[in-house]
N, C-alpha and C. Protein backbone atom coordinates (compact mmCIF):
# COMPACT_ATOMS: atom_id res chain seq x y z
N MET A 1 -41.83 -10.54 12.59
CA MET A 1 -42.17 -9.21 13.38
C MET A 1 -41.02 -8.34 13.66
N SER A 2 -41.70 -7.04 13.15
CA SER A 2 -40.24 -5.94 13.50
C SER A 2 -40.34 -5.13 14.60
N GLY A 3 -39.26 -4.69 14.85
CA GLY A 3 -38.84 -3.77 16.31
C GLY A 3 -37.80 -2.53 16.07
N THR A 4 -38.15 -1.93 16.89
CA THR A 4 -36.99 -1.58 17.17
C THR A 4 -35.91 -1.27 18.05
N ASP A 5 -34.74 -0.75 18.47
CA ASP A 5 -34.14 -1.10 19.76
C ASP A 5 -34.13 -0.03 20.26
N SER A 6 -33.44 0.34 21.68
CA SER A 6 -33.48 1.70 22.59
C SER A 6 -33.42 3.30 21.55
N SER A 7 -32.62 3.15 20.68
CA SER A 7 -32.09 3.97 19.95
C SER A 7 -33.15 4.55 18.79
N GLY A 8 -34.17 3.33 18.46
CA GLY A 8 -34.96 3.42 17.22
C GLY A 8 -34.60 3.02 16.18
N ALA A 9 -33.53 2.11 16.24
CA ALA A 9 -33.06 1.31 14.89
C ALA A 9 -33.78 0.03 14.66
N THR A 10 -33.82 -0.52 13.46
CA THR A 10 -34.75 -1.96 13.39
C THR A 10 -33.32 -2.97 13.44
N PRO A 11 -34.21 -4.06 14.06
CA PRO A 11 -33.00 -5.03 13.78
C PRO A 11 -32.08 -4.98 13.04
N ILE A 12 -32.15 -5.03 11.70
CA ILE A 12 -31.28 -5.09 10.54
C ILE A 12 -30.37 -3.57 10.37
N GLN A 13 -31.24 -2.55 10.88
CA GLN A 13 -30.04 -1.40 11.24
C GLN A 13 -29.11 -1.58 12.15
N ALA A 14 -29.46 -2.16 13.24
CA ALA A 14 -29.12 -2.31 14.71
C ALA A 14 -27.68 -3.09 14.23
N ASN A 15 -28.10 -4.37 13.45
CA ASN A 15 -26.82 -5.32 13.19
C ASN A 15 -25.79 -4.53 11.95
N ALA A 16 -26.39 -3.83 11.44
CA ALA A 16 -25.58 -3.33 9.98
C ALA A 16 -24.54 -2.09 11.08
N GLN A 17 -25.23 -1.44 11.52
CA GLN A 17 -24.26 -0.60 12.43
C GLN A 17 -23.15 -1.25 13.45
N HIS A 18 -23.64 -2.74 14.31
CA HIS A 18 -22.85 -3.17 14.60
C HIS A 18 -21.31 -3.88 13.78
N LYS A 19 -21.83 -4.02 12.56
CA LYS A 19 -21.09 -4.54 11.74
C LYS A 19 -19.82 -3.98 11.18
N VAL A 20 -20.50 -2.46 11.07
CA VAL A 20 -19.69 -1.56 10.82
C VAL A 20 -18.72 -1.01 11.81
N LEU A 21 -19.34 -1.11 13.11
CA LEU A 21 -18.42 -0.67 14.12
C LEU A 21 -17.36 -1.43 14.83
N GLN A 22 -17.32 -3.54 14.36
CA GLN A 22 -16.89 -4.12 14.01
C GLN A 22 -15.62 -3.78 12.93
N MET A 23 -15.63 -3.71 11.93
CA MET A 23 -14.95 -2.92 10.61
C MET A 23 -14.14 -1.87 11.28
N THR A 24 -14.44 -0.96 11.96
CA THR A 24 -13.63 0.31 12.26
C THR A 24 -12.95 -0.48 13.35
N ASP A 25 -13.33 -1.34 13.84
CA ASP A 25 -12.08 -1.48 15.15
C ASP A 25 -10.71 -2.32 14.72
N LEU A 26 -11.34 -3.33 13.38
CA LEU A 26 -10.81 -4.18 12.79
C LEU A 26 -9.58 -3.14 12.06
N ILE A 27 -9.77 -2.14 11.35
CA ILE A 27 -9.00 -1.41 10.69
C ILE A 27 -8.59 -0.76 11.68
N ILE A 28 -8.60 0.19 12.52
CA ILE A 28 -7.75 0.90 13.75
C ILE A 28 -6.87 0.09 14.06
N LEU A 29 -6.84 -1.43 14.35
CA LEU A 29 -5.83 -1.88 15.14
C LEU A 29 -5.07 -2.60 14.12
N LEU A 30 -5.20 -3.07 12.56
CA LEU A 30 -4.44 -3.37 11.75
C LEU A 30 -3.98 -2.24 11.45
N LEU A 31 -3.95 -1.11 11.30
CA LEU A 31 -3.33 0.05 10.59
C LEU A 31 -1.90 0.10 10.90
N PRO A 32 -1.79 0.34 12.17
CA PRO A 32 -0.34 0.14 12.35
C PRO A 32 0.56 -0.47 11.82
N VAL A 33 -0.28 -1.37 12.01
CA VAL A 33 0.79 -3.21 11.67
C VAL A 33 0.98 -3.21 10.05
N PHE A 34 -0.08 -2.58 9.34
CA PHE A 34 0.14 -2.75 8.38
C PHE A 34 1.29 -1.50 7.61
N MET A 35 1.23 -0.49 8.40
CA MET A 35 2.34 0.42 8.15
C MET A 35 3.68 -0.50 8.50
N PHE A 36 3.79 -0.34 9.36
CA PHE A 36 5.17 -1.04 10.04
C PHE A 36 5.42 -2.36 9.14
N SER A 37 4.34 -3.21 8.96
CA SER A 37 5.14 -4.53 8.08
C SER A 37 5.46 -3.66 6.39
N ASP A 38 4.96 -2.76 6.04
CA ASP A 38 5.19 -1.93 4.74
C ASP A 38 6.84 -1.49 4.96
N TYR A 39 7.20 -0.81 5.86
CA TYR A 39 8.53 -0.32 6.14
C TYR A 39 9.40 -1.70 6.33
N TYR A 40 9.07 -2.32 7.12
CA TYR A 40 10.51 -3.25 7.31
C TYR A 40 9.93 -4.69 6.20
N LEU A 41 8.98 -4.66 5.31
CA LEU A 41 9.50 -5.76 4.41
C LEU A 41 10.23 -5.07 3.53
N THR A 42 10.20 -3.74 3.10
CA THR A 42 10.76 -2.81 1.98
C THR A 42 12.31 -3.02 2.38
N ILE A 43 12.67 -2.99 4.07
CA ILE A 43 14.18 -3.04 4.18
C ILE A 43 14.00 -4.95 3.87
N TRP A 44 13.49 -5.84 4.27
CA TRP A 44 13.89 -7.02 4.21
C TRP A 44 14.24 -7.44 2.70
N GLY A 45 13.19 -6.93 1.59
CA GLY A 45 13.42 -7.11 0.47
C GLY A 45 14.51 -6.39 0.10
N ALA A 46 14.97 -5.12 0.38
CA ALA A 46 16.35 -4.58 -0.03
C ALA A 46 17.67 -5.65 0.74
N LYS A 47 17.56 -6.03 1.35
CA LYS A 47 18.93 -6.20 1.96
C LYS A 47 18.95 -8.01 1.49
N LEU A 48 17.79 -8.91 0.72
CA LEU A 48 17.79 -9.71 0.22
C LEU A 48 18.45 -9.67 -1.24
N ARG A 49 17.90 -8.39 -1.72
CA ARG A 49 18.11 -8.11 -3.55
C ARG A 49 19.30 -8.02 -3.57
N GLU A 50 20.27 -7.66 -2.16
CA GLU A 50 21.78 -7.13 -2.86
C GLU A 50 22.20 -8.37 -3.06
N LYS A 51 21.81 -9.83 -2.33
CA LYS A 51 22.79 -10.87 -2.41
C LYS A 51 22.94 -11.59 -3.63
N CYS A 52 22.05 -11.14 -4.47
CA CYS A 52 22.46 -11.89 -5.84
C CYS A 52 21.42 -10.80 -6.66
N TYR A 53 20.19 -10.81 -6.61
CA TYR A 53 19.66 -9.95 -7.57
C TYR A 53 20.15 -9.28 -7.97
N ALA A 54 20.69 -8.09 -6.84
CA ALA A 54 21.49 -7.04 -8.12
C ALA A 54 22.71 -7.43 -8.93
N ASP A 55 23.11 -8.12 -8.60
CA ASP A 55 24.30 -8.22 -9.64
C ASP A 55 23.69 -8.46 -11.28
N HIS A 56 22.46 -8.79 -10.99
CA HIS A 56 21.81 -9.13 -12.84
C HIS A 56 20.93 -7.85 -13.05
N PHE A 57 20.58 -7.33 -12.05
CA PHE A 57 19.29 -5.83 -12.28
C PHE A 57 19.86 -4.79 -11.38
N GLN A 58 20.46 -4.08 -11.94
CA GLN A 58 20.69 -2.64 -11.50
C GLN A 58 19.64 -1.51 -11.32
N ILE A 59 19.34 -0.81 -10.26
CA ILE A 59 19.10 -0.12 -10.32
C ILE A 59 19.35 1.09 -9.53
N PRO A 60 18.53 2.19 -9.74
CA PRO A 60 19.18 3.36 -8.70
C PRO A 60 19.10 3.14 -7.38
N SER A 61 17.33 3.11 -7.19
CA SER A 61 17.61 3.09 -5.79
C SER A 61 15.82 1.75 -5.51
N TYR A 62 15.98 1.12 -4.86
CA TYR A 62 15.15 -0.19 -4.50
C TYR A 62 13.47 0.58 -4.52
N GLU A 63 13.52 1.33 -3.35
CA GLU A 63 12.84 2.38 -2.79
C GLU A 63 12.28 2.91 -3.88
N LEU A 64 10.93 3.19 -4.35
CA LEU A 64 10.41 4.09 -5.50
C LEU A 64 9.91 5.66 -5.20
N ASN A 65 9.25 5.12 -3.55
CA ASN A 65 8.91 6.86 -2.86
C ASN A 65 10.35 7.48 -2.86
N PRO A 66 10.11 8.45 -3.46
CA PRO A 66 11.70 9.30 -3.03
C PRO A 66 11.38 9.54 -1.68
N ILE A 67 10.67 9.99 -0.92
CA ILE A 67 10.38 10.08 0.43
C ILE A 67 11.42 9.43 1.45
N TRP A 68 11.26 8.12 1.32
CA TRP A 68 11.94 7.27 2.31
C TRP A 68 13.09 6.35 0.92
N GLN A 69 13.37 6.85 0.39
CA GLN A 69 14.56 5.95 -0.51
C GLN A 69 15.62 6.46 0.41
N ALA A 70 16.18 7.26 0.93
CA ALA A 70 17.35 7.58 1.82
C ALA A 70 17.25 6.27 3.04
N ASP A 71 16.23 6.80 3.66
CA ASP A 71 16.41 5.60 4.59
C ASP A 71 16.15 4.13 4.45
N ILE A 72 15.77 3.96 3.31
CA ILE A 72 15.77 2.49 3.07
C ILE A 72 17.20 1.93 2.26
N ARG A 73 17.71 2.79 1.73
CA ARG A 73 19.40 2.81 1.31
C ARG A 73 20.32 2.35 2.54
N GLU A 74 19.77 3.56 3.41
CA GLU A 74 21.07 2.83 4.73
C GLU A 74 20.39 2.08 5.71
N LYS A 75 19.22 0.99 5.33
CA LYS A 75 18.39 0.30 5.96
C LYS A 75 18.09 0.62 7.57
N LYS A 76 17.75 1.85 7.61
CA LYS A 76 17.53 2.48 8.98
C LYS A 76 16.09 1.96 9.47
N ILE A 77 16.86 0.85 10.58
CA ILE A 77 15.81 0.18 11.19
C ILE A 77 14.99 0.98 12.35
N ILE A 78 15.21 1.66 13.32
CA ILE A 78 15.11 2.60 14.11
C ILE A 78 15.13 4.14 13.49
N ASN A 79 13.74 4.21 12.78
CA ASN A 79 13.33 5.40 11.80
C ASN A 79 12.15 5.87 12.89
N TYR A 80 12.86 7.36 13.50
CA TYR A 80 11.59 7.90 14.27
C TYR A 80 10.74 8.97 13.36
N ARG A 81 11.35 9.32 12.43
CA ARG A 81 10.30 10.17 11.62
C ARG A 81 9.23 9.15 10.85
N PHE A 82 9.31 8.16 10.74
CA PHE A 82 8.67 7.04 10.20
C PHE A 82 7.24 6.99 11.49
N MET A 83 8.16 6.13 12.51
CA MET A 83 6.94 6.25 13.44
C MET A 83 6.59 7.43 13.86
N THR A 84 6.67 9.08 13.87
CA THR A 84 6.04 9.53 14.15
C THR A 84 4.94 10.00 13.27
N ILE A 85 5.13 9.36 11.58
CA ILE A 85 4.16 9.38 10.76
C ILE A 85 3.27 8.29 11.01
N VAL A 86 3.46 7.33 11.43
CA VAL A 86 2.32 6.03 12.07
C VAL A 86 1.45 6.69 12.95
N VAL A 87 2.26 6.97 14.34
CA VAL A 87 1.70 7.28 14.68
C VAL A 87 0.27 8.61 14.70
N THR A 88 0.81 9.71 13.74
CA THR A 88 -0.26 10.52 13.50
C THR A 88 -1.37 10.13 12.60
N ILE A 89 -1.01 9.17 11.78
CA ILE A 89 -1.95 8.71 10.95
C ILE A 89 -2.98 7.70 12.02
N PHE A 90 -2.34 7.11 13.03
CA PHE A 90 -3.41 6.15 13.79
C PHE A 90 -4.09 7.18 14.79
N LEU A 91 -3.67 8.17 14.97
CA LEU A 91 -4.63 8.88 15.54
C LEU A 91 -5.79 9.77 14.61
N LEU A 92 -4.87 10.31 13.67
CA LEU A 92 -6.31 10.62 12.89
C LEU A 92 -7.20 9.43 12.26
N VAL A 93 -6.97 8.58 12.26
CA VAL A 93 -8.23 7.43 11.98
C VAL A 93 -8.32 7.16 13.04
N VAL A 94 -8.33 7.24 14.25
CA VAL A 94 -8.71 6.73 15.39
C VAL A 94 -9.76 8.11 15.75
N PHE A 95 -9.60 9.19 15.08
CA PHE A 95 -10.66 10.47 15.75
C PHE A 95 -11.54 10.51 14.69
N LEU A 96 -11.30 10.05 13.58
CA LEU A 96 -12.05 9.98 12.25
C LEU A 96 -13.15 8.98 12.57
N PHE A 97 -12.55 7.89 12.91
CA PHE A 97 -13.80 6.49 13.19
C PHE A 97 -14.50 6.81 14.57
N LYS A 98 -13.87 7.22 15.74
CA LYS A 98 -14.26 7.20 16.63
C LYS A 98 -14.82 8.44 17.27
N VAL A 99 -14.68 9.87 16.93
CA VAL A 99 -15.40 10.84 17.21
C VAL A 99 -16.21 11.44 16.46
N LEU A 100 -15.65 11.63 14.83
CA LEU A 100 -16.45 12.03 13.62
C LEU A 100 -17.61 11.27 13.33
N LYS A 101 -17.36 9.78 13.56
CA LYS A 101 -18.41 8.89 13.31
C LYS A 101 -18.70 9.08 11.74
N PRO A 102 -18.14 8.98 10.90
CA PRO A 102 -18.55 9.33 9.34
C PRO A 102 -19.99 8.40 9.14
N SER A 103 -20.27 8.37 8.03
CA SER A 103 -21.54 7.55 8.04
C SER A 103 -21.25 6.21 7.41
N PRO A 104 -22.36 5.37 7.41
CA PRO A 104 -21.53 3.78 7.36
C PRO A 104 -21.37 3.51 5.56
N PHE A 105 -21.43 4.44 5.15
CA PHE A 105 -21.28 4.61 3.53
C PHE A 105 -19.76 4.84 3.24
N LEU A 106 -19.39 5.96 3.87
CA LEU A 106 -18.00 6.47 4.17
C LEU A 106 -17.01 5.55 5.10
N THR A 107 -17.91 4.99 5.93
CA THR A 107 -16.59 4.05 6.79
C THR A 107 -16.18 3.11 6.08
N ASN A 108 -17.45 2.25 5.06
CA ASN A 108 -16.85 1.10 4.53
C ASN A 108 -16.25 1.62 3.32
N PHE A 109 -16.40 2.65 3.13
CA PHE A 109 -15.45 3.41 1.61
C PHE A 109 -14.66 3.12 2.31
N LEU A 110 -13.90 3.71 3.14
CA LEU A 110 -12.38 3.86 3.59
C LEU A 110 -11.94 2.46 4.02
N SER A 111 -12.96 1.51 4.83
CA SER A 111 -12.28 0.52 5.26
C SER A 111 -11.58 -0.41 3.69
N GLY A 112 -12.51 -0.07 2.70
CA GLY A 112 -12.20 -1.11 1.77
C GLY A 112 -10.84 -0.24 0.81
N TYR A 113 -10.76 0.91 0.95
CA TYR A 113 -9.57 1.38 0.82
C TYR A 113 -8.55 1.28 1.61
N ILE A 114 -8.22 1.51 2.50
CA ILE A 114 -7.10 0.95 3.44
C ILE A 114 -6.90 -0.53 3.30
N LEU A 115 -7.35 -1.30 3.17
CA LEU A 115 -7.67 -3.05 3.18
C LEU A 115 -6.76 -3.05 2.06
N ALA A 116 -7.42 -2.38 0.68
CA ALA A 116 -7.11 -2.95 -0.58
C ALA A 116 -5.89 -2.39 -0.64
N HIS A 117 -5.01 -1.11 -0.29
CA HIS A 117 -4.11 -0.32 -0.47
C HIS A 117 -3.26 -1.14 0.08
N TYR A 118 -3.41 -1.43 1.47
CA TYR A 118 -1.91 -2.52 2.11
C TYR A 118 -1.96 -3.98 1.57
N GLY A 119 -2.95 -4.50 1.24
CA GLY A 119 -3.08 -5.56 1.01
C GLY A 119 -2.20 -5.76 -0.30
N ILE A 120 -2.33 -4.86 -1.33
CA ILE A 120 -2.04 -5.01 -2.60
C ILE A 120 -0.30 -4.67 -2.26
N LEU A 121 0.03 -3.47 -1.39
CA LEU A 121 1.53 -3.38 -1.37
C LEU A 121 2.08 -4.61 -0.65
N ILE A 122 1.58 -5.10 0.60
CA ILE A 122 2.29 -6.06 0.92
C ILE A 122 2.55 -7.33 0.42
N GLY A 123 1.64 -7.77 -0.75
CA GLY A 123 1.96 -8.62 -1.38
C GLY A 123 2.76 -8.46 -2.73
N ARG A 124 2.85 -7.18 -2.52
CA ARG A 124 4.13 -6.86 -3.42
C ARG A 124 5.41 -7.30 -2.92
N HIS A 125 5.44 -6.77 -1.58
CA HIS A 125 6.78 -7.16 -0.79
C HIS A 125 6.85 -8.43 -1.04
N LEU A 126 6.00 -9.16 -0.53
CA LEU A 126 6.19 -10.49 -0.41
C LEU A 126 6.79 -11.04 -1.58
N SER A 127 6.06 -10.56 -2.58
CA SER A 127 6.52 -11.46 -3.66
C SER A 127 7.59 -10.68 -4.35
N ASN A 128 8.10 -9.86 -3.89
CA ASN A 128 9.91 -9.40 -4.08
C ASN A 128 10.45 -10.64 -3.40
N ILE A 129 10.14 -10.54 -2.23
CA ILE A 129 10.94 -11.43 -1.11
C ILE A 129 11.32 -12.81 -1.73
N PHE A 130 10.12 -13.13 -2.21
CA PHE A 130 9.95 -14.56 -2.73
C PHE A 130 10.82 -15.09 -3.97
N LEU A 131 10.88 -13.69 -4.79
CA LEU A 131 11.81 -13.92 -5.95
C LEU A 131 13.26 -13.46 -5.53
N PHE A 132 13.57 -12.98 -4.45
CA PHE A 132 15.13 -12.63 -4.30
C PHE A 132 15.60 -13.98 -3.88
N ASN A 133 14.69 -14.90 -2.85
CA ASN A 133 15.23 -16.11 -2.26
C ASN A 133 15.42 -17.01 -3.45
N TYR A 134 14.41 -16.95 -4.20
CA TYR A 134 14.80 -18.40 -4.87
C TYR A 134 16.26 -17.64 -6.08
N THR A 135 15.92 -16.36 -6.07
CA THR A 135 17.39 -16.25 -7.15
C THR A 135 18.71 -16.39 -6.58
N ILE A 136 18.67 -16.02 -4.85
CA ILE A 136 20.20 -16.51 -3.87
C ILE A 136 19.84 -18.08 -4.05
N LYS A 137 19.19 -19.13 -3.88
CA LYS A 137 19.09 -20.38 -4.00
C LYS A 137 19.33 -20.87 -5.17
N ASN A 138 19.01 -20.04 -6.36
CA ASN A 138 19.18 -20.95 -7.73
C ASN A 138 20.15 -19.91 -8.50
N ALA A 139 21.39 -19.75 -8.20
CA ALA A 139 21.79 -18.00 -8.69
C ALA A 139 22.54 -19.04 -10.25
N THR A 140 22.58 -19.96 -10.34
CA THR A 140 23.12 -20.06 -11.74
C THR A 140 22.04 -20.05 -13.10
N GLU A 141 20.41 -20.26 -12.17
CA GLU A 141 19.59 -19.43 -13.38
C GLU A 141 19.30 -18.67 -13.67
N ILE A 142 20.23 -17.66 -13.47
CA ILE A 142 20.30 -16.00 -14.37
C ILE A 142 21.75 -15.61 -14.54
N ALA A 143 22.06 -15.19 -15.66
CA ALA A 143 23.31 -14.57 -16.21
C ALA A 143 22.83 -13.43 -16.79
N GLY A 144 23.69 -12.59 -16.76
CA GLY A 144 23.59 -11.28 -17.40
C GLY A 144 23.82 -10.39 -16.68
N GLN A 145 23.77 -8.89 -17.16
CA GLN A 145 23.28 -7.77 -16.29
C GLN A 145 22.36 -6.59 -17.31
N ILE A 146 21.80 -6.17 -16.23
CA ILE A 146 20.87 -5.14 -16.93
C ILE A 146 20.67 -4.22 -16.20
N GLN A 147 20.67 -2.55 -16.70
CA GLN A 147 20.87 -1.22 -15.56
C GLN A 147 19.15 -0.83 -16.12
N TYR A 148 18.70 -0.58 -15.23
CA TYR A 148 17.32 0.62 -15.25
C TYR A 148 17.60 1.91 -14.75
N SER A 149 17.01 2.57 -15.54
CA SER A 149 17.17 3.97 -15.10
C SER A 149 15.78 3.72 -14.10
N GLN A 150 15.73 5.05 -12.99
CA GLN A 150 14.49 5.28 -11.78
C GLN A 150 13.56 5.13 -12.54
N GLU A 151 13.07 5.88 -13.80
CA GLU A 151 12.02 6.23 -14.33
C GLU A 151 11.55 4.84 -14.70
N TYR A 152 12.57 4.16 -15.72
CA TYR A 152 12.11 2.60 -16.12
C TYR A 152 11.72 1.52 -14.99
N SER A 153 12.18 2.04 -13.30
CA SER A 153 11.60 1.47 -12.83
C SER A 153 10.22 1.35 -12.12
N LEU A 154 10.21 2.73 -12.06
CA LEU A 154 8.65 3.44 -11.68
C LEU A 154 7.70 2.80 -12.87
N HIS A 155 8.02 3.04 -14.09
CA HIS A 155 6.75 2.59 -15.45
C HIS A 155 6.69 1.06 -15.34
N ALA A 156 7.86 0.50 -15.13
CA ALA A 156 7.69 -0.93 -15.01
C ALA A 156 6.43 -1.41 -13.50
N SER A 157 6.88 -0.80 -12.27
CA SER A 157 6.23 -0.80 -11.37
C SER A 157 4.45 -0.39 -11.34
N MET A 158 4.40 0.59 -12.31
CA MET A 158 3.37 1.16 -12.17
C MET A 158 2.45 0.12 -13.17
N TYR A 159 2.92 -0.37 -14.47
CA TYR A 159 2.26 -1.24 -15.13
C TYR A 159 2.30 -2.76 -14.42
N GLN A 160 2.92 -2.98 -13.54
CA GLN A 160 2.83 -4.54 -13.22
C GLN A 160 1.61 -4.25 -12.11
N TYR A 161 1.61 -3.22 -11.41
CA TYR A 161 0.17 -2.73 -10.50
C TYR A 161 -1.16 -3.36 -11.15
N SER A 162 -1.09 -2.94 -12.59
CA SER A 162 -2.51 -3.30 -13.45
C SER A 162 -2.99 -4.98 -12.75
N VAL A 163 -2.13 -5.39 -12.57
CA VAL A 163 -2.64 -7.06 -12.28
C VAL A 163 -3.84 -7.09 -11.17
N ALA A 164 -3.26 -6.26 -9.87
CA ALA A 164 -4.33 -6.07 -9.36
C ALA A 164 -5.53 -5.33 -9.43
N ILE A 165 -5.04 -4.22 -10.13
CA ILE A 165 -6.31 -3.10 -10.38
C ILE A 165 -7.42 -3.03 -11.34
N LEU A 166 -6.72 -4.33 -12.63
CA LEU A 166 -8.06 -4.39 -13.47
C LEU A 166 -8.91 -5.17 -12.45
N PRO A 167 -8.76 -6.13 -11.86
CA PRO A 167 -9.78 -6.80 -11.20
C PRO A 167 -10.76 -6.13 -10.54
N LEU A 168 -9.85 -5.13 -9.41
CA LEU A 168 -10.75 -4.55 -8.69
C LEU A 168 -11.64 -3.69 -9.05
N LEU A 169 -11.34 -3.02 -10.48
CA LEU A 169 -12.28 -2.31 -11.02
C LEU A 169 -12.93 -3.08 -11.44
N PHE A 170 -13.19 -4.44 -12.04
CA PHE A 170 -14.18 -5.09 -12.61
C PHE A 170 -15.17 -5.23 -11.55
N ILE A 171 -14.78 -5.78 -10.37
CA ILE A 171 -14.92 -6.08 -9.29
C ILE A 171 -16.54 -5.20 -9.08
N GLY A 172 -15.59 -3.77 -8.94
CA GLY A 172 -16.43 -2.31 -8.06
C GLY A 172 -17.44 -1.69 -9.42
N VAL A 173 -17.45 -2.32 -10.51
CA VAL A 173 -18.41 -1.91 -11.37
C VAL A 173 -19.36 -3.00 -11.21
N TRP A 174 -19.10 -3.94 -11.25
CA TRP A 174 -20.01 -5.22 -10.91
C TRP A 174 -21.01 -5.02 -9.89
N ILE A 175 -20.14 -5.05 -8.30
CA ILE A 175 -20.88 -5.17 -7.57
C ILE A 175 -20.62 -3.48 -6.52
N GLN A 176 -21.49 -2.51 -6.52
CA GLN A 176 -20.91 -1.62 -6.54
C GLN A 176 -21.91 -0.87 -4.97
N THR A 177 -20.80 -1.57 -4.26
CA THR A 177 -20.71 -1.34 -2.87
C THR A 177 -19.75 -0.76 -2.25
N PRO A 178 -20.06 0.40 -1.03
CA PRO A 178 -19.03 0.78 -0.78
C PRO A 178 -18.00 0.30 -0.48
N PHE A 179 -17.66 -0.63 0.23
CA PHE A 179 -16.59 -1.35 0.53
C PHE A 179 -15.42 -1.72 -0.57
N ILE A 180 -16.33 -2.32 -1.69
CA ILE A 180 -15.68 -2.37 -3.14
C ILE A 180 -15.04 -1.37 -3.60
N LEU A 181 -15.87 -0.51 -3.80
CA LEU A 181 -15.87 0.90 -4.17
C LEU A 181 -14.25 1.45 -3.90
N GLY A 182 -14.15 1.40 -2.51
CA GLY A 182 -13.09 1.84 -2.12
C GLY A 182 -11.75 1.20 -2.29
N CYS A 183 -11.99 -0.43 -2.47
CA CYS A 183 -10.99 -0.94 -2.84
C CYS A 183 -10.62 -0.81 -4.18
N ALA A 184 -11.34 -0.60 -5.18
CA ALA A 184 -10.94 -0.75 -6.59
C ALA A 184 -10.47 1.14 -6.16
N LEU A 185 -10.67 2.19 -6.07
CA LEU A 185 -10.33 3.32 -5.62
C LEU A 185 -8.37 3.42 -5.39
N ALA A 186 -8.54 2.41 -4.14
CA ALA A 186 -6.86 2.34 -3.78
C ALA A 186 -6.20 1.85 -5.01
N GLY A 187 -6.65 1.03 -5.64
CA GLY A 187 -5.77 0.22 -6.81
C GLY A 187 -5.54 1.34 -7.89
N VAL A 188 -6.35 2.40 -7.88
CA VAL A 188 -6.25 3.48 -9.21
C VAL A 188 -5.34 4.74 -8.44
N GLY A 189 -5.02 4.66 -7.34
CA GLY A 189 -4.25 5.38 -6.42
C GLY A 189 -2.70 5.10 -6.71
N TYR A 190 -2.51 3.76 -6.64
CA TYR A 190 -1.29 3.36 -7.13
C TYR A 190 -0.73 3.84 -8.48
N ILE A 191 -1.96 4.10 -9.40
CA ILE A 191 -1.26 4.67 -10.74
C ILE A 191 -0.97 6.05 -10.36
N VAL A 192 -1.94 6.59 -9.48
CA VAL A 192 -1.79 8.35 -9.63
C VAL A 192 -0.48 8.84 -8.50
N MET A 193 -0.23 7.82 -7.68
CA MET A 193 1.36 7.84 -6.52
C MET A 193 2.31 7.74 -7.74
N HIS A 194 2.43 6.49 -8.88
CA HIS A 194 3.73 6.51 -9.58
C HIS A 194 3.63 7.58 -10.64
N ARG A 195 2.64 8.19 -11.08
CA ARG A 195 2.54 9.11 -11.85
C ARG A 195 3.19 10.24 -11.01
N ASN A 196 3.14 10.69 -10.23
CA ASN A 196 3.33 11.29 -9.19
C ASN A 196 4.59 11.78 -9.10
N TRP A 197 5.51 10.34 -8.45
CA TRP A 197 6.66 10.18 -8.59
C TRP A 197 7.61 10.56 -10.00
N ILE A 198 6.68 9.76 -11.03
CA ILE A 198 7.41 10.64 -12.52
C ILE A 198 7.55 11.56 -12.17
N ARG A 199 6.58 12.17 -12.72
CA ARG A 199 6.62 14.01 -12.58
C ARG A 199 7.73 14.55 -11.97
N LYS A 200 7.99 13.96 -10.59
CA LYS A 200 9.22 14.60 -9.85
C LYS A 200 10.27 14.06 -10.23
N LEU A 201 10.24 13.10 -10.59
CA LEU A 201 11.72 12.74 -11.07
C LEU A 201 11.91 13.82 -12.32
N ARG A 202 11.18 13.30 -13.47
CA ARG A 202 11.63 14.59 -14.53
C ARG A 202 11.73 15.67 -14.29
N LYS A 203 11.08 16.51 -13.49
CA LYS A 203 11.42 17.72 -12.84
C LYS A 203 12.69 18.07 -12.45
N GLY A 204 13.35 16.72 -11.35
CA GLY A 204 14.34 16.95 -10.91
C GLY A 204 15.60 17.20 -12.30
N LYS A 205 15.07 16.09 -13.18
CA LYS A 205 16.23 16.28 -14.04
C LYS A 205 16.47 17.12 -14.83
N THR A 206 15.25 18.27 -15.37
CA THR A 206 15.34 19.22 -15.89
C THR A 206 15.56 20.40 -15.37
N ARG A 207 15.71 20.29 -13.90
CA ARG A 207 16.47 21.53 -13.04
C ARG A 207 18.26 21.07 -12.95
N GLU A 208 18.32 19.77 -13.21
CA GLU A 208 19.99 19.50 -13.61
C GLU A 208 20.44 19.94 -14.43
N THR A 209 19.50 19.89 -15.46
CA THR A 209 20.13 20.00 -16.99
C THR A 209 20.18 21.81 -17.09
N THR A 210 19.53 22.32 -16.49
CA THR A 210 19.49 23.75 -16.35
C THR A 210 20.60 24.54 -15.99
């Protein structure tokens, strides 16, 4: 037996709307946690890397995003610029989900994008931390020294993200839901970001040589 609630929605529609609201609340709560985790896991990884791993693999900057390279190099724990950005993005997301109230399609798409973006990023941080810890505890397992350029590091990082990107794209093609499509686009976004950083790096090199 079917019916409608006070808003005119059927029980199935009302349930779907309730799930969307739950998702947006979760995203709003997790977003600042994700952003602070990204920043402080980067600092933790940078500190661990210097204890042994950096003796064998030398790169100009552990942080690949040029915007944050100086702050990570300084291991800046209290970073007001970063905190301002977190608050700004948080307020924009609250405004988007709670005031503008986009369609369920767009809401699920953005939720998938945000969760996949930070899931991939935090997973990468944890992978580095585990590797650096292992290297510290098993220093005799590694010998020699390799020096990477920043451009090589960017390419290596970009290619390594394909481990997560390809499965997301395959799932996105097979299961075409807004949430999965958002996840897949988040993976592609990493390629776009790395290409942009490489372009800026090359542009800076060109200015130095002219």
